[in-house]
Amino acid sequence: MGDDNRERQRSRLLIVDDELFLINAYRRVLGEWFEVSSAHDARSARRALAETGFDVVLVEVAIPGSGESSL
């Protein structure tokens, strides 16, 4: 079981936040364990969710473009 096997088994994480520095911080910390993708607003998050099956989604509480709707 080498690094290739561990790479294939990593869960997919979507980070949704409009603050680039937070996305980068989460990516640095969580990137060792997750395959990390990011979105900066609700619209791009919905698109990412429709295109990719994520195992975990980390969402800012007040994400731009979400209005009263939920992701």
Protein backbone atom coordinates (compact mmCIF):
# COMPACT_ATOMS: atom_id res chain seq x y z
CA MET A 1 0.00 0.00 0.00
CA GLY A 2 1.97 2.96 -1.27
CA ASP A 3 1.19 6.60 -1.72
CA ASP A 4 -0.78 5.87 -4.91
CA ASN A 5 -3.32 3.79 -2.98
CA ARG A 6 -3.70 6.48 -0.30
CA GLU A 7 -4.22 9.12 -3.04
CA ARG A 8 -7.07 7.11 -4.59
CA GLN A 9 -8.80 6.68 -1.24
CA ARG A 10 -8.88 10.35 -0.23
CA SER A 11 -12.37 11.75 0.23
CA ARG A 12 -13.45 14.72 -1.85
CA LEU A 13 -14.01 18.00 0.01
CA LEU A 14 -15.69 21.15 -1.32
CA ILE A 15 -14.91 24.37 0.53
CA VAL A 16 -17.40 27.20 -0.08
CA ASP A 17 -16.20 30.59 1.12
CA ASP A 18 -15.75 34.03 -0.43
CA GLU A 19 -12.50 34.67 1.48
CA LEU A 20 -9.57 33.35 -0.55
CA PHE A 21 -7.21 33.39 2.43
CA LEU A 22 -9.56 31.05 4.33
CA ILE A 23 -9.89 28.69 1.39
CA ASN A 24 -6.10 28.57 1.12
CA ALA A 25 -5.72 27.97 4.87
CA TYR A 26 -8.25 25.12 4.81
CA ARG A 27 -6.57 23.69 1.72
CA ARG A 28 -3.15 23.71 3.44
CA VAL A 29 -4.49 22.01 6.55
CA LEU A 30 -6.98 19.58 5.01
CA GLY A 31 -5.26 18.89 1.69
CA GLU A 32 -3.18 16.14 3.24
CA TRP A 33 -6.32 14.09 3.92
CA PHE A 34 -8.79 15.31 1.30
CA GLU A 35 -8.91 16.02 -2.40
CA VAL A 36 -9.90 19.69 -2.02
CA SER A 37 -12.00 21.79 -4.40
CA SER A 38 -13.37 25.25 -3.71
CA ALA A 39 -16.13 27.65 -4.70
CA HIS A 40 -16.37 31.35 -3.91
CA ASP A 41 -20.15 31.81 -4.05
CA ALA A 42 -23.42 29.86 -3.99
CA ARG A 43 -23.73 29.71 -7.77
CA SER A 44 -20.30 28.15 -8.32
CA ALA A 45 -20.91 25.83 -5.35
CA ARG A 46 -24.15 24.55 -6.88
CA ARG A 47 -22.38 23.97 -10.18
CA ALA A 48 -19.55 22.06 -8.46
CA LEU A 49 -22.04 19.97 -6.48
CA ALA A 50 -23.94 19.10 -9.67
CA GLU A 51 -20.76 18.08 -11.50
CA THR A 52 -18.88 16.21 -8.77
CA GLY A 53 -19.82 13.85 -5.97
CA PHE A 54 -18.29 15.30 -2.81
CA ASP A 55 -17.96 13.38 0.43
CA VAL A 56 -17.72 16.51 2.61
CA VAL A 57 -18.83 20.12 2.05
CA LEU A 58 -17.58 22.93 4.28
CA VAL A 59 -19.78 26.02 3.77
CA GLU A 60 -19.52 29.55 5.14
CA VAL A 61 -22.74 30.47 6.96
CA ALA A 62 -23.39 33.67 4.95
CA ILE A 63 -22.19 32.76 1.47
CA PRO A 64 -22.74 35.42 -1.23
CA GLY A 65 -25.47 34.62 -3.71
CA SER A 66 -27.32 32.21 -1.46
CA GLY A 67 -30.15 34.56 -0.47
CA GLU A 68 -32.74 32.56 1.40
CA SER A 69 -31.99 29.35 -0.51
CA SER A 70 -29.76 26.60 0.71
CA LEU A 71 -27.07 24.63 -1.02
